[in-house]
Amino acid sequence: MWVNIILIVLAIEGIILFYYGLQKQSQLFFFLGLTSFFIPVVYFINGFTFMPLVPIVALIITYIAKRKITLA
């Protein structure tokens, strides 16, 4: 019960950090927001099986988004 509540709060915090990273064009906040958002999503979908892939996916999305922001 408490784990679910904490993970939902972490996902909301991730969305806020993600939005802040987009506004300030900060790769660090963008990465932290994506990581904080993806950890609860992966946990709720599949448990701990794909948890080590979360930072890798977040880094790839951050890199792609940074290239799109600078090119635009």
C-alpha atoms as a PDB file:
ATOM      1  CA  MET A   1       0.000   0.000   0.000  1.00  0.00           C
ATOM      2  CA  TRP A   2       2.683   2.510   1.037  1.00  0.00           C
ATOM      3  CA  VAL A   3       4.956   1.444  -1.782  1.00  0.00           C
ATOM      4  CA  ASN A   4       2.246   2.256  -4.323  1.00  0.00           C
ATOM      5  CA  ILE A   5       1.656   5.686  -2.798  1.00  0.00           C
ATOM      6  CA  ILE A   6       5.379   6.480  -2.760  1.00  0.00           C
ATOM      7  CA  LEU A   7       5.753   5.366  -6.379  1.00  0.00           C
ATOM      8  CA  ILE A   8       2.790   7.490  -7.472  1.00  0.00           C
ATOM      9  CA  VAL A   9       4.336  10.517  -5.726  1.00  0.00           C
ATOM     10  CA  LEU A  10       7.651   9.720  -7.444  1.00  0.00           C
ATOM     11  CA  ALA A  11       5.909   9.595 -10.835  1.00  0.00           C
ATOM     12  CA  ILE A  12       4.240  12.973 -10.223  1.00  0.00           C
ATOM     13  CA  GLU A  13       7.575  14.417  -9.131  1.00  0.00           C
ATOM     14  CA  GLY A  14       9.126  13.008 -12.303  1.00  0.00           C
ATOM     15  CA  ILE A  15       6.548  14.774 -14.451  1.00  0.00           C
ATOM     16  CA  ILE A  16       7.284  18.053 -12.664  1.00  0.00           C
ATOM     17  CA  LEU A  17      11.052  17.640 -13.124  1.00  0.00           C
ATOM     18  CA  PHE A  18      10.534  16.665 -16.763  1.00  0.00           C
ATOM     19  CA  TYR A  19       8.478  19.794 -17.416  1.00  0.00           C
ATOM     20  CA  TYR A  20      11.013  21.975 -15.580  1.00  0.00           C
ATOM     21  CA  GLY A  21      13.812  20.461 -17.652  1.00  0.00           C
ATOM     22  CA  LEU A  22      11.941  21.277 -20.838  1.00  0.00           C
ATOM     23  CA  GLN A  23      11.322  24.853 -19.755  1.00  0.00           C
ATOM     24  CA  LYS A  24      14.923  25.536 -18.721  1.00  0.00           C
ATOM     25  CA  GLN A  25      16.422  23.262 -21.424  1.00  0.00           C
ATOM     26  CA  SER A  26      18.407  21.472 -18.717  1.00  0.00           C
ATOM     27  CA  GLN A  27      19.567  17.969 -19.586  1.00  0.00           C
ATOM     28  CA  LEU A  28      20.045  17.058 -15.929  1.00  0.00           C
ATOM     29  CA  PHE A  29      16.482  17.869 -14.867  1.00  0.00           C
ATOM     30  CA  PHE A  30      15.175  16.290 -18.059  1.00  0.00           C
ATOM     31  CA  PHE A  31      17.083  13.072 -17.277  1.00  0.00           C
ATOM     32  CA  LEU A  32      16.068  13.040 -13.609  1.00  0.00           C
ATOM     33  CA  GLY A  33      12.445  13.641 -14.526  1.00  0.00           C
ATOM     34  CA  LEU A  34      12.416  10.823 -17.051  1.00  0.00           C
ATOM     35  CA  THR A  35      14.108   8.463 -14.630  1.00  0.00           C
ATOM     36  CA  SER A  36      11.756   9.393 -11.792  1.00  0.00           C
ATOM     37  CA  PHE A  37       8.784   8.875 -14.080  1.00  0.00           C
ATOM     38  CA  PHE A  38       9.908   5.620 -15.702  1.00  0.00           C
ATOM     39  CA  ILE A  39      10.830   3.787 -12.480  1.00  0.00           C
ATOM     40  CA  PRO A  40       7.223   3.609 -11.168  1.00  0.00           C
ATOM     41  CA  VAL A  41       5.849   2.917 -14.653  1.00  0.00           C
ATOM     42  CA  VAL A  42       8.192  -0.034 -15.166  1.00  0.00           C
ATOM     43  CA  TYR A  43       7.473  -1.290 -11.646  1.00  0.00           C
ATOM     44  CA  PHE A  44       3.706  -1.187 -12.135  1.00  0.00           C
ATOM     45  CA  ILE A  45       3.881  -2.829 -15.566  1.00  0.00           C
ATOM     46  CA  ASN A  46       6.422  -5.595 -15.072  1.00  0.00           C
ATOM     47  CA  GLY A  47       8.046  -5.469 -11.659  1.00  0.00           C
ATOM     48  CA  PHE A  48      11.821  -5.480 -11.411  1.00  0.00           C
ATOM     49  CA  THR A  49      12.652  -7.371 -14.598  1.00  0.00           C
ATOM     50  CA  PHE A  50      13.442  -4.357 -16.800  1.00  0.00           C
ATOM     51  CA  MET A  51      14.411  -1.923 -14.030  1.00  0.00           C
ATOM     52  CA  PRO A  52      18.137  -1.788 -15.020  1.00  0.00           C
ATOM     53  CA  LEU A  53      17.119  -0.499 -18.472  1.00  0.00           C
ATOM     54  CA  VAL A  54      15.404   2.624 -17.114  1.00  0.00           C
ATOM     55  CA  PRO A  55      18.522   4.863 -16.934  1.00  0.00           C
ATOM     56  CA  ILE A  56      19.670   3.715 -20.371  1.00  0.00           C
ATOM     57  CA  VAL A  57      16.308   4.532 -21.947  1.00  0.00           C
ATOM     58  CA  ALA A  58      16.210   7.873 -20.111  1.00  0.00           C
ATOM     59  CA  LEU A  59      19.693   8.760 -21.392  1.00  0.00           C
ATOM     60  CA  ILE A  60      18.726   7.889 -24.967  1.00  0.00           C
ATOM     61  CA  ILE A  61      15.555   9.988 -24.803  1.00  0.00           C
ATOM     62  CA  THR A  62      17.492  12.867 -23.217  1.00  0.00           C
ATOM     63  CA  TYR A  63      20.110  12.760 -25.974  1.00  0.00           C
ATOM     64  CA  ILE A  64      17.465  12.676 -28.731  1.00  0.00           C
ATOM     65  CA  ALA A  65      15.468  15.493 -27.133  1.00  0.00           C
ATOM     66  CA  LYS A  66      18.548  17.657 -26.670  1.00  0.00           C
ATOM     67  CA  ARG A  67      19.411  17.296 -30.345  1.00  0.00           C
ATOM     68  CA  LYS A  68      15.830  18.214 -31.312  1.00  0.00           C
ATOM     69  CA  ILE A  69      15.802  21.259 -29.023  1.00  0.00           C
ATOM     70  CA  THR A  70      19.091  22.650 -30.349  1.00  0.00           C
ATOM     71  CA  LEU A  71      18.162  22.017 -33.981  1.00  0.00           C
ATOM     72  CA  ALA A  72      14.796  23.739 -33.707  1.00  0.00           C
END
